């Protein structure tokens, strides 16, 4: 009889999913991560990094530094934005992504945000207009959306910024998004 009770207990332990550990970007209102872009970042990659830094600061008060990848990132989590050498070494590429598609993935202490980009600047030198695929920017907004940000209208009144003292992502995050 006791053996019959042990079997359900063992089965329940096997079927219970493993607890996901969080990868902190901001902890208690303080930055614990650095945003890293390629040394020769495209305008789209820079815009994606600046978008992340801006909105994470609005939500948490923490100002995450944005640096080129040849600079020392220090300790803590790294947010690798765009086609960095870090992404290449981790085998995270934009290969096979459709126009404006992106990937969000965590490997170790690094959160990778990478999209299919085609930087095309149209217009005058003083006020260029971004055109072409903006996958890295979409990746930044995709992450922010998962953190609770919402854009209901293209105005400050139509933007919902959650108040977050700690900002984390699951350490098993692995998302590929391709627009329909």
N, C-alpha and C. Protein backbone atom coordinates (compact mmCIF):
# COMPACT_ATOMS: atom_id res chain seq x y z
N UNK A 1 0.82 -1.20 0.00
CA UNK A 1 0.00 0.00 0.00
C UNK A 1 0.86 1.26 0.00
N UNK A 2 1.95 1.25 0.80
CA UNK A 2 2.83 2.41 0.85
C UNK A 2 3.48 2.68 -0.50
N UNK A 3 3.80 1.62 -1.23
CA UNK A 3 4.43 1.81 -2.54
C UNK A 3 3.48 2.48 -3.51
N UNK A 4 2.18 2.26 -3.36
CA UNK A 4 1.21 2.93 -4.22
C UNK A 4 1.14 4.42 -3.93
N UNK A 5 1.41 4.84 -2.71
CA UNK A 5 1.42 6.26 -2.37
C UNK A 5 2.70 6.94 -2.82
N UNK A 6 3.78 6.21 -2.88
CA UNK A 6 5.07 6.77 -3.28
C UNK A 6 5.08 7.09 -4.77
N UNK A 7 4.45 6.28 -5.57
CA UNK A 7 4.45 6.47 -7.03
C UNK A 7 3.85 7.82 -7.42
N UNK A 8 2.65 8.22 -6.92
CA UNK A 8 2.13 9.54 -7.28
C UNK A 8 3.04 10.68 -6.82
N UNK A 9 3.69 10.51 -5.68
CA UNK A 9 4.59 11.56 -5.19
C UNK A 9 5.77 11.72 -6.13
N UNK A 10 6.33 10.63 -6.60
CA UNK A 10 7.46 10.69 -7.52
C UNK A 10 7.02 11.28 -8.86
N UNK A 11 5.86 10.86 -9.35
CA UNK A 11 5.35 11.38 -10.62
C UNK A 11 5.11 12.88 -10.51
N UNK A 12 4.57 13.36 -9.39
CA UNK A 12 4.32 14.79 -9.25
C UNK A 12 5.62 15.58 -9.22
N UNK A 13 6.68 15.03 -8.65
CA UNK A 13 7.97 15.72 -8.65
C UNK A 13 8.54 15.82 -10.05
N UNK A 14 8.35 14.79 -10.84
CA UNK A 14 8.86 14.78 -12.21
C UNK A 14 8.07 15.74 -13.10
N UNK A 15 6.77 15.83 -12.88
CA UNK A 15 5.92 16.65 -13.74
C UNK A 15 5.91 18.13 -13.36
N UNK A 16 6.36 18.48 -12.18
CA UNK A 16 6.38 19.88 -11.76
C UNK A 16 7.51 20.57 -12.53
N UNK A 17 7.20 21.65 -13.25
CA UNK A 17 8.25 22.32 -14.01
C UNK A 17 9.30 22.93 -13.08
N UNK A 18 10.52 22.95 -13.58
CA UNK A 18 11.61 23.54 -12.80
C UNK A 18 11.37 25.04 -12.64
N UNK A 19 11.74 25.56 -11.49
CA UNK A 19 11.57 26.98 -11.22
C UNK A 19 12.55 27.77 -12.07
N UNK A 20 12.04 28.78 -12.74
CA UNK A 20 12.87 29.64 -13.56
C UNK A 20 13.53 30.69 -12.67
N UNK A 21 14.80 30.90 -12.90
CA UNK A 21 15.55 31.90 -12.15
C UNK A 21 15.51 33.20 -12.94
N UNK A 22 15.47 34.30 -12.23
CA UNK A 22 15.39 35.61 -12.89
C UNK A 22 16.78 36.16 -13.16
N UNK A 23 16.89 36.84 -14.28
CA UNK A 23 18.10 37.58 -14.64
C UNK A 23 17.76 39.04 -14.42
N UNK A 24 18.36 39.66 -13.41
CA UNK A 24 18.04 41.05 -13.06
C UNK A 24 18.73 42.03 -13.99
N UNK A 25 17.95 43.05 -14.41
CA UNK A 25 18.48 44.17 -15.17
C UNK A 25 18.61 45.38 -14.26
N UNK A 26 17.63 45.52 -13.37
CA UNK A 26 17.60 46.59 -12.36
C UNK A 26 17.19 45.93 -11.05
N UNK A 27 17.86 46.26 -9.97
CA UNK A 27 17.52 45.69 -8.66
C UNK A 27 17.36 46.81 -7.65
N UNK A 28 16.17 46.89 -7.06
CA UNK A 28 15.86 47.92 -6.05
C UNK A 28 16.19 49.33 -6.54
N UNK A 29 15.83 49.61 -7.78
CA UNK A 29 16.04 50.95 -8.34
C UNK A 29 17.46 51.26 -8.75
N UNK A 30 18.34 50.27 -8.72
CA UNK A 30 19.74 50.49 -9.11
C UNK A 30 20.09 49.62 -10.31
N UNK A 31 20.85 50.17 -11.24
CA UNK A 31 21.22 49.37 -12.42
C UNK A 31 22.19 48.25 -12.04
N UNK A 32 21.92 47.05 -12.51
CA UNK A 32 22.84 45.93 -12.33
C UNK A 32 23.17 45.32 -13.68
N UNK A 33 22.99 46.12 -14.73
CA UNK A 33 23.28 45.65 -16.08
C UNK A 33 23.80 46.81 -16.92
N UNK A 34 24.39 46.42 -18.05
CA UNK A 34 24.94 47.37 -19.00
C UNK A 34 24.41 47.03 -20.38
N UNK A 35 24.04 48.04 -21.14
CA UNK A 35 23.59 47.83 -22.52
C UNK A 35 24.82 47.94 -23.41
N UNK A 36 25.07 46.90 -24.20
CA UNK A 36 26.25 46.84 -25.06
C UNK A 36 25.81 46.79 -26.51
N UNK A 37 26.39 47.66 -27.33
CA UNK A 37 26.12 47.68 -28.77
C UNK A 37 27.43 47.42 -29.51
N UNK A 38 27.35 47.03 -30.78
CA UNK A 38 28.59 46.86 -31.55
C UNK A 38 29.38 48.17 -31.58
N UNK A 39 30.69 48.07 -31.67
CA UNK A 39 31.51 49.28 -31.73
C UNK A 39 31.12 50.15 -32.93
N UNK A 40 30.75 49.52 -34.00
CA UNK A 40 30.27 50.25 -35.19
C UNK A 40 28.77 50.02 -35.34
N UNK A 41 28.05 50.38 -34.31
CA UNK A 41 26.60 50.15 -34.29
C UNK A 41 25.92 50.95 -35.39
N UNK A 42 24.91 50.34 -35.97
CA UNK A 42 24.10 51.05 -36.96
C UNK A 42 23.16 52.00 -36.22
N UNK A 43 22.54 52.88 -36.97
CA UNK A 43 21.57 53.81 -36.37
C UNK A 43 20.43 53.05 -35.72
N UNK A 44 20.02 51.94 -36.31
CA UNK A 44 18.93 51.13 -35.75
C UNK A 44 19.35 50.49 -34.44
N UNK A 45 20.56 49.96 -34.37
CA UNK A 45 21.05 49.35 -33.13
C UNK A 45 21.18 50.40 -32.02
N UNK A 46 21.69 51.58 -32.36
CA UNK A 46 21.80 52.65 -31.36
C UNK A 46 20.42 53.08 -30.87
N UNK A 47 19.48 53.19 -31.80
CA UNK A 47 18.12 53.60 -31.42
C UNK A 47 17.49 52.55 -30.50
N UNK A 48 17.71 51.28 -30.78
CA UNK A 48 17.17 50.21 -29.93
C UNK A 48 17.75 50.32 -28.51
N UNK A 49 19.06 50.52 -28.41
CA UNK A 49 19.72 50.63 -27.10
C UNK A 49 19.23 51.86 -26.35
N UNK A 50 19.12 52.98 -27.04
CA UNK A 50 18.65 54.21 -26.40
C UNK A 50 17.20 54.09 -25.95
N UNK A 51 16.38 53.39 -26.73
CA UNK A 51 14.98 53.16 -26.36
C UNK A 51 14.90 52.35 -25.07
N UNK A 52 15.69 51.28 -24.99
CA UNK A 52 15.71 50.47 -23.77
C UNK A 52 16.13 51.30 -22.57
N UNK A 53 17.23 52.02 -22.71
CA UNK A 53 17.74 52.82 -21.59
C UNK A 53 16.71 53.86 -21.14
N UNK A 54 16.08 54.52 -22.09
CA UNK A 54 15.10 55.57 -21.78
C UNK A 54 13.92 55.01 -20.99
N UNK A 55 13.30 53.95 -21.50
CA UNK A 55 12.10 53.43 -20.86
C UNK A 55 12.41 52.71 -19.54
N UNK A 56 13.53 52.02 -19.45
CA UNK A 56 13.88 51.38 -18.18
C UNK A 56 14.15 52.43 -17.11
N UNK A 57 14.73 53.56 -17.50
CA UNK A 57 14.94 54.66 -16.54
C UNK A 57 13.61 55.26 -16.11
N UNK A 58 12.68 55.40 -17.04
CA UNK A 58 11.36 55.95 -16.70
C UNK A 58 10.64 55.04 -15.71
N UNK A 59 10.79 53.73 -15.86
CA UNK A 59 10.07 52.78 -15.01
C UNK A 59 10.72 52.59 -13.65
N UNK A 60 12.06 52.62 -13.61
CA UNK A 60 12.75 52.23 -12.38
C UNK A 60 13.58 53.34 -11.74
N UNK A 61 13.89 54.37 -12.51
CA UNK A 61 14.78 55.41 -12.03
C UNK A 61 16.25 55.06 -12.24
N UNK A 62 16.53 53.84 -12.67
CA UNK A 62 17.91 53.40 -12.88
C UNK A 62 18.36 53.74 -14.30
N UNK A 63 19.52 54.35 -14.40
CA UNK A 63 20.06 54.71 -15.71
C UNK A 63 21.11 53.68 -16.12
N UNK A 64 20.74 52.84 -17.08
CA UNK A 64 21.66 51.82 -17.57
C UNK A 64 22.62 52.44 -18.57
N UNK A 65 23.92 52.21 -18.40
CA UNK A 65 24.87 52.76 -19.36
C UNK A 65 24.79 52.02 -20.70
N UNK A 66 25.01 52.76 -21.78
CA UNK A 66 25.08 52.19 -23.13
C UNK A 66 26.52 52.36 -23.58
N UNK A 67 27.19 51.24 -23.87
CA UNK A 67 28.60 51.29 -24.25
C UNK A 67 28.85 50.46 -25.50
N UNK A 68 29.95 50.75 -26.17
CA UNK A 68 30.41 49.92 -27.27
C UNK A 68 31.02 48.65 -26.69
N UNK A 69 30.99 47.58 -27.46
CA UNK A 69 31.40 46.30 -26.87
C UNK A 69 32.89 46.19 -26.59
N UNK A 70 33.72 47.05 -27.15
CA UNK A 70 35.14 46.98 -26.82
C UNK A 70 35.44 47.60 -25.46
N UNK A 71 34.51 48.40 -24.94
CA UNK A 71 34.66 48.96 -23.60
C UNK A 71 34.38 47.86 -22.58
N UNK A 72 34.93 47.98 -21.41
CA UNK A 72 34.69 47.00 -20.37
C UNK A 72 33.29 47.18 -19.81
N UNK A 73 32.49 46.12 -19.84
CA UNK A 73 31.12 46.19 -19.34
C UNK A 73 31.06 46.07 -17.82
N UNK A 74 32.12 45.64 -17.19
CA UNK A 74 32.10 45.47 -15.74
C UNK A 74 31.38 44.20 -15.36
N UNK A 75 30.86 44.17 -14.15
CA UNK A 75 30.16 42.98 -13.69
C UNK A 75 28.66 43.17 -13.86
N UNK A 76 27.93 42.09 -13.75
CA UNK A 76 26.48 42.16 -13.85
C UNK A 76 25.98 41.67 -15.19
N UNK A 77 24.71 41.87 -15.39
CA UNK A 77 24.03 41.42 -16.61
C UNK A 77 24.41 42.32 -17.78
N UNK A 78 24.49 41.72 -18.95
CA UNK A 78 24.75 42.47 -20.18
C UNK A 78 23.53 42.35 -21.07
N UNK A 79 23.08 43.47 -21.60
CA UNK A 79 22.04 43.48 -22.62
C UNK A 79 22.75 43.73 -23.94
N UNK A 80 22.92 42.70 -24.72
CA UNK A 80 23.61 42.78 -26.01
C UNK A 80 22.59 43.15 -27.07
N UNK A 81 22.73 44.35 -27.64
CA UNK A 81 21.76 44.85 -28.62
C UNK A 81 22.41 44.87 -30.00
N UNK A 82 21.79 44.16 -30.94
CA UNK A 82 22.28 44.15 -32.31
C UNK A 82 23.28 43.04 -32.58
N UNK A 83 23.98 43.20 -33.69
CA UNK A 83 24.92 42.18 -34.15
C UNK A 83 26.28 42.34 -33.47
N UNK A 84 26.32 42.06 -32.19
CA UNK A 84 27.56 42.17 -31.43
C UNK A 84 28.39 40.90 -31.62
N UNK A 85 29.68 41.00 -31.29
CA UNK A 85 30.52 39.81 -31.29
C UNK A 85 30.03 38.82 -30.24
N UNK A 86 29.49 39.34 -29.13
CA UNK A 86 28.91 38.46 -28.09
C UNK A 86 27.81 37.59 -28.68
N UNK A 87 26.94 38.20 -29.49
CA UNK A 87 25.85 37.45 -30.11
C UNK A 87 26.39 36.40 -31.08
N UNK A 88 27.39 36.77 -31.86
CA UNK A 88 27.99 35.81 -32.80
C UNK A 88 28.59 34.63 -32.05
N UNK A 89 29.31 34.91 -30.95
CA UNK A 89 29.92 33.84 -30.16
C UNK A 89 28.88 32.92 -29.55
N UNK A 90 27.70 33.46 -29.24
CA UNK A 90 26.62 32.67 -28.65
C UNK A 90 25.75 32.02 -29.74
N UNK A 91 26.12 32.22 -31.01
CA UNK A 91 25.38 31.68 -32.16
C UNK A 91 23.96 32.24 -32.23
N UNK A 92 23.79 33.49 -31.85
CA UNK A 92 22.50 34.17 -31.97
C UNK A 92 22.64 35.17 -33.11
N UNK A 93 21.95 34.89 -34.20
CA UNK A 93 22.08 35.71 -35.39
C UNK A 93 20.69 36.09 -35.91
N UNK A 94 20.70 36.95 -36.92
CA UNK A 94 19.44 37.32 -37.57
C UNK A 94 19.16 36.43 -38.78
N UNK A 95 19.97 35.40 -38.94
CA UNK A 95 19.81 34.49 -40.07
C UNK A 95 18.42 33.84 -40.05
N UNK A 96 17.76 33.91 -41.18
CA UNK A 96 16.45 33.29 -41.32
C UNK A 96 15.28 34.14 -40.84
N UNK A 97 15.55 35.29 -40.23
CA UNK A 97 14.46 36.15 -39.77
C UNK A 97 13.83 36.87 -40.95
N UNK A 98 12.52 37.00 -40.90
CA UNK A 98 11.82 37.79 -41.90
C UNK A 98 12.02 39.27 -41.62
N UNK A 99 11.59 40.08 -42.55
CA UNK A 99 11.64 41.54 -42.43
C UNK A 99 11.06 41.98 -41.09
N UNK A 100 11.81 42.74 -40.31
CA UNK A 100 11.42 43.25 -38.99
C UNK A 100 11.32 42.18 -37.91
N UNK A 101 11.75 40.97 -38.18
CA UNK A 101 11.73 39.92 -37.16
C UNK A 101 12.82 40.16 -36.12
N UNK A 102 12.67 39.50 -34.96
CA UNK A 102 13.69 39.66 -33.91
C UNK A 102 13.79 38.44 -33.03
N UNK A 103 14.88 38.41 -32.27
CA UNK A 103 15.11 37.36 -31.28
C UNK A 103 15.43 38.00 -29.93
N UNK A 104 14.87 37.42 -28.88
CA UNK A 104 15.21 37.74 -27.49
C UNK A 104 15.67 36.43 -26.88
N UNK A 105 16.87 36.40 -26.34
CA UNK A 105 17.36 35.15 -25.76
C UNK A 105 18.31 35.45 -24.61
N UNK A 106 18.25 34.60 -23.60
CA UNK A 106 19.18 34.69 -22.47
C UNK A 106 20.09 33.49 -22.51
N UNK A 107 21.38 33.76 -22.42
CA UNK A 107 22.39 32.71 -22.27
C UNK A 107 23.36 33.20 -21.21
N UNK A 108 23.38 32.51 -20.09
CA UNK A 108 24.23 32.94 -18.98
C UNK A 108 23.80 34.30 -18.48
N UNK A 109 24.76 35.21 -18.26
CA UNK A 109 24.41 36.54 -17.75
C UNK A 109 24.13 37.57 -18.85
N UNK A 110 23.81 37.08 -20.06
CA UNK A 110 23.61 37.99 -21.19
C UNK A 110 22.20 37.83 -21.76
N UNK A 111 21.52 38.97 -21.92
CA UNK A 111 20.24 39.03 -22.62
C UNK A 111 20.52 39.59 -24.01
N UNK A 112 20.22 38.81 -25.03
CA UNK A 112 20.47 39.21 -26.41
C UNK A 112 19.19 39.74 -27.03
N UNK A 113 19.29 40.92 -27.67
CA UNK A 113 18.20 41.51 -28.42
C UNK A 113 18.75 41.75 -29.82
N UNK A 114 18.22 41.03 -30.77
CA UNK A 114 18.78 41.08 -32.12
C UNK A 114 17.65 41.00 -33.12
N UNK A 115 17.70 41.84 -34.13
CA UNK A 115 16.65 41.81 -35.14
C UNK A 115 17.21 41.94 -36.53
N UNK A 116 16.34 41.69 -37.49
CA UNK A 116 16.74 41.89 -38.88
C UNK A 116 16.62 43.37 -39.18
N UNK A 117 17.74 43.98 -39.46
CA UNK A 117 17.80 45.41 -39.73
C UNK A 117 18.32 45.67 -41.14
N UNK A 118 17.77 46.66 -41.77
CA UNK A 118 18.33 47.19 -43.01
C UNK A 118 18.30 48.70 -42.86
N UNK A 119 19.40 49.26 -42.45
CA UNK A 119 19.47 50.70 -42.23
C UNK A 119 19.45 51.44 -43.56
N UNK A 120 18.42 52.20 -43.75
CA UNK A 120 18.34 53.08 -44.90
C UNK A 120 17.95 54.45 -44.39
N UNK A 121 18.76 55.42 -44.66
CA UNK A 121 18.44 56.79 -44.26
C UNK A 121 17.96 57.53 -45.49
N UNK A 122 16.79 58.08 -45.39
CA UNK A 122 16.19 58.79 -46.50
C UNK A 122 15.99 60.24 -46.09
N UNK A 123 16.30 61.15 -46.95
CA UNK A 123 16.05 62.55 -46.64
C UNK A 123 17.32 63.34 -46.44
N UNK A 124 17.17 64.47 -45.82
CA UNK A 124 18.29 65.38 -45.63
C UNK A 124 19.20 64.90 -44.51
N UNK A 125 20.42 65.37 -44.56
CA UNK A 125 21.42 65.00 -43.56
C UNK A 125 21.01 65.45 -42.16
N UNK A 126 20.39 66.64 -42.03
CA UNK A 126 20.02 67.17 -40.72
C UNK A 126 18.87 66.40 -40.09
N UNK A 127 17.91 65.97 -40.89
CA UNK A 127 16.73 65.26 -40.38
C UNK A 127 16.49 63.98 -41.18
N UNK A 128 17.36 62.99 -41.01
CA UNK A 128 17.14 61.77 -41.78
C UNK A 128 15.91 61.02 -41.28
N UNK A 129 15.28 60.31 -42.18
CA UNK A 129 14.11 59.51 -41.86
C UNK A 129 14.55 58.04 -41.90
N UNK A 130 14.24 57.31 -40.84
CA UNK A 130 14.59 55.89 -40.81
C UNK A 130 13.61 55.12 -41.68
N UNK A 131 14.15 54.26 -42.50
CA UNK A 131 13.32 53.40 -43.33
C UNK A 131 13.98 52.03 -43.34
N UNK A 132 13.29 51.05 -43.84
CA UNK A 132 13.84 49.71 -43.89
C UNK A 132 13.47 48.91 -42.65
N UNK A 133 13.97 47.68 -42.59
CA UNK A 133 13.66 46.79 -41.48
C UNK A 133 14.28 47.33 -40.19
N UNK A 134 13.52 47.31 -39.12
CA UNK A 134 13.95 47.84 -37.82
C UNK A 134 13.81 46.75 -36.75
N UNK A 135 14.29 45.55 -37.04
CA UNK A 135 14.12 44.42 -36.13
C UNK A 135 14.70 44.63 -34.75
N UNK A 136 15.85 45.30 -34.65
CA UNK A 136 16.45 45.52 -33.32
C UNK A 136 15.60 46.46 -32.48
N UNK A 137 15.01 47.46 -33.12
CA UNK A 137 14.10 48.36 -32.39
C UNK A 137 12.85 47.59 -31.97
N UNK A 138 12.35 46.75 -32.86
CA UNK A 138 11.20 45.91 -32.50
C UNK A 138 11.54 44.99 -31.33
N UNK A 139 12.78 44.49 -31.29
CA UNK A 139 13.20 43.63 -30.18
C UNK A 139 13.16 44.40 -28.87
N UNK A 140 13.62 45.65 -28.90
CA UNK A 140 13.59 46.48 -27.68
C UNK A 140 12.14 46.68 -27.21
N UNK A 141 11.26 47.03 -28.14
CA UNK A 141 9.86 47.23 -27.77
C UNK A 141 9.20 45.91 -27.37
N UNK A 142 9.61 44.80 -27.99
CA UNK A 142 9.08 43.49 -27.61
C UNK A 142 9.43 43.15 -26.17
N UNK A 143 10.67 43.44 -25.77
CA UNK A 143 11.07 43.21 -24.38
C UNK A 143 10.29 44.12 -23.44
N UNK A 144 10.20 45.40 -23.79
CA UNK A 144 9.47 46.35 -22.94
C UNK A 144 8.01 45.94 -22.80
N UNK A 145 7.41 45.45 -23.86
CA UNK A 145 6.03 44.97 -23.80
C UNK A 145 5.90 43.83 -22.80
N UNK A 146 6.86 42.91 -22.80
CA UNK A 146 6.84 41.79 -21.86
C UNK A 146 7.04 42.24 -20.41
N UNK A 147 7.62 43.42 -20.24
CA UNK A 147 7.82 43.97 -18.90
C UNK A 147 6.63 44.81 -18.42
N UNK A 148 5.61 44.95 -19.27
CA UNK A 148 4.39 45.65 -18.85
C UNK A 148 4.19 47.03 -19.44
N UNK A 149 5.09 47.48 -20.30
CA UNK A 149 4.91 48.78 -20.96
C UNK A 149 3.81 48.63 -22.02
N UNK A 150 3.05 49.72 -22.24
CA UNK A 150 2.01 49.71 -23.26
C UNK A 150 1.99 51.04 -23.98
N UNK A 151 1.76 50.99 -25.29
CA UNK A 151 1.64 52.18 -26.11
C UNK A 151 0.27 52.14 -26.75
N UNK A 152 -0.66 52.90 -26.16
CA UNK A 152 -2.04 52.90 -26.62
C UNK A 152 -2.28 53.98 -27.66
N UNK A 153 -1.51 55.05 -27.59
CA UNK A 153 -1.55 56.14 -28.56
C UNK A 153 -0.13 56.67 -28.69
N UNK A 154 0.20 57.27 -29.82
CA UNK A 154 1.57 57.78 -29.98
C UNK A 154 1.78 59.13 -29.29
N UNK A 155 1.38 59.21 -28.03
CA UNK A 155 1.54 60.42 -27.24
C UNK A 155 1.96 60.01 -25.83
N UNK A 156 2.52 60.93 -25.05
CA UNK A 156 2.84 60.58 -23.66
C UNK A 156 1.61 60.13 -22.87
N UNK A 157 0.46 60.71 -23.15
CA UNK A 157 -0.77 60.31 -22.45
C UNK A 157 -1.18 58.88 -22.81
N UNK A 158 -0.79 58.42 -23.98
CA UNK A 158 -1.16 57.09 -24.42
C UNK A 158 -0.12 56.04 -24.11
N UNK A 159 0.89 56.39 -23.32
CA UNK A 159 1.95 55.46 -22.97
C UNK A 159 1.83 55.06 -21.50
N UNK A 160 1.78 53.75 -21.26
CA UNK A 160 1.75 53.26 -19.87
C UNK A 160 3.15 52.77 -19.52
N UNK A 161 3.73 53.39 -18.50
CA UNK A 161 5.05 53.00 -18.00
C UNK A 161 4.85 52.42 -16.61
N UNK A 162 5.10 51.11 -16.44
CA UNK A 162 4.94 50.52 -15.11
C UNK A 162 6.01 51.04 -14.17
N UNK A 163 5.69 51.13 -12.90
CA UNK A 163 6.67 51.54 -11.90
C UNK A 163 7.32 50.27 -11.36
N UNK A 164 8.59 50.09 -11.67
CA UNK A 164 9.30 48.85 -11.33
C UNK A 164 10.57 49.18 -10.57
N UNK A 165 10.69 48.71 -9.36
CA UNK A 165 11.95 48.87 -8.62
C UNK A 165 12.96 47.81 -9.05
N UNK A 166 12.44 46.63 -9.39
CA UNK A 166 13.29 45.56 -9.87
C UNK A 166 12.78 45.13 -11.24
N UNK A 167 13.68 45.02 -12.20
CA UNK A 167 13.33 44.61 -13.56
C UNK A 167 14.12 43.33 -13.84
N UNK A 168 13.39 42.26 -14.15
CA UNK A 168 14.01 40.96 -14.39
C UNK A 168 13.38 40.29 -15.59
N UNK A 169 14.14 39.38 -16.18
CA UNK A 169 13.61 38.50 -17.22
C UNK A 169 13.95 37.07 -16.82
N UNK A 170 13.19 36.13 -17.33
CA UNK A 170 13.44 34.72 -17.03
C UNK A 170 14.77 34.31 -17.64
N UNK A 171 15.51 33.49 -16.93
CA UNK A 171 16.82 33.08 -17.44
C UNK A 171 16.71 32.05 -18.57
N UNK A 172 15.49 31.61 -18.87
CA UNK A 172 15.29 30.70 -19.99
C UNK A 172 14.55 31.38 -21.15
N UNK A 173 14.53 32.71 -21.15
CA UNK A 173 13.86 33.46 -22.21
C UNK A 173 14.47 33.10 -23.56
N UNK A 174 13.63 32.75 -24.51
CA UNK A 174 14.09 32.42 -25.86
C UNK A 174 12.91 32.62 -26.80
N UNK A 175 12.84 33.79 -27.42
CA UNK A 175 11.70 34.16 -28.25
C UNK A 175 12.19 34.58 -29.63
N UNK A 176 11.56 34.06 -30.64
CA UNK A 176 11.77 34.53 -32.00
C UNK A 176 10.43 35.05 -32.49
N UNK A 177 10.41 36.31 -32.93
CA UNK A 177 9.17 36.91 -33.42
C UNK A 177 9.36 37.29 -34.88
N UNK A 178 8.36 36.93 -35.67
CA UNK A 178 8.34 37.34 -37.06
C UNK A 178 6.97 37.91 -37.36
N UNK A 179 6.94 39.13 -37.89
CA UNK A 179 5.64 39.73 -38.20
C UNK A 179 4.91 38.90 -39.26
N UNK A 180 3.59 38.94 -39.22
CA UNK A 180 2.81 38.18 -40.21
C UNK A 180 3.01 38.71 -41.62
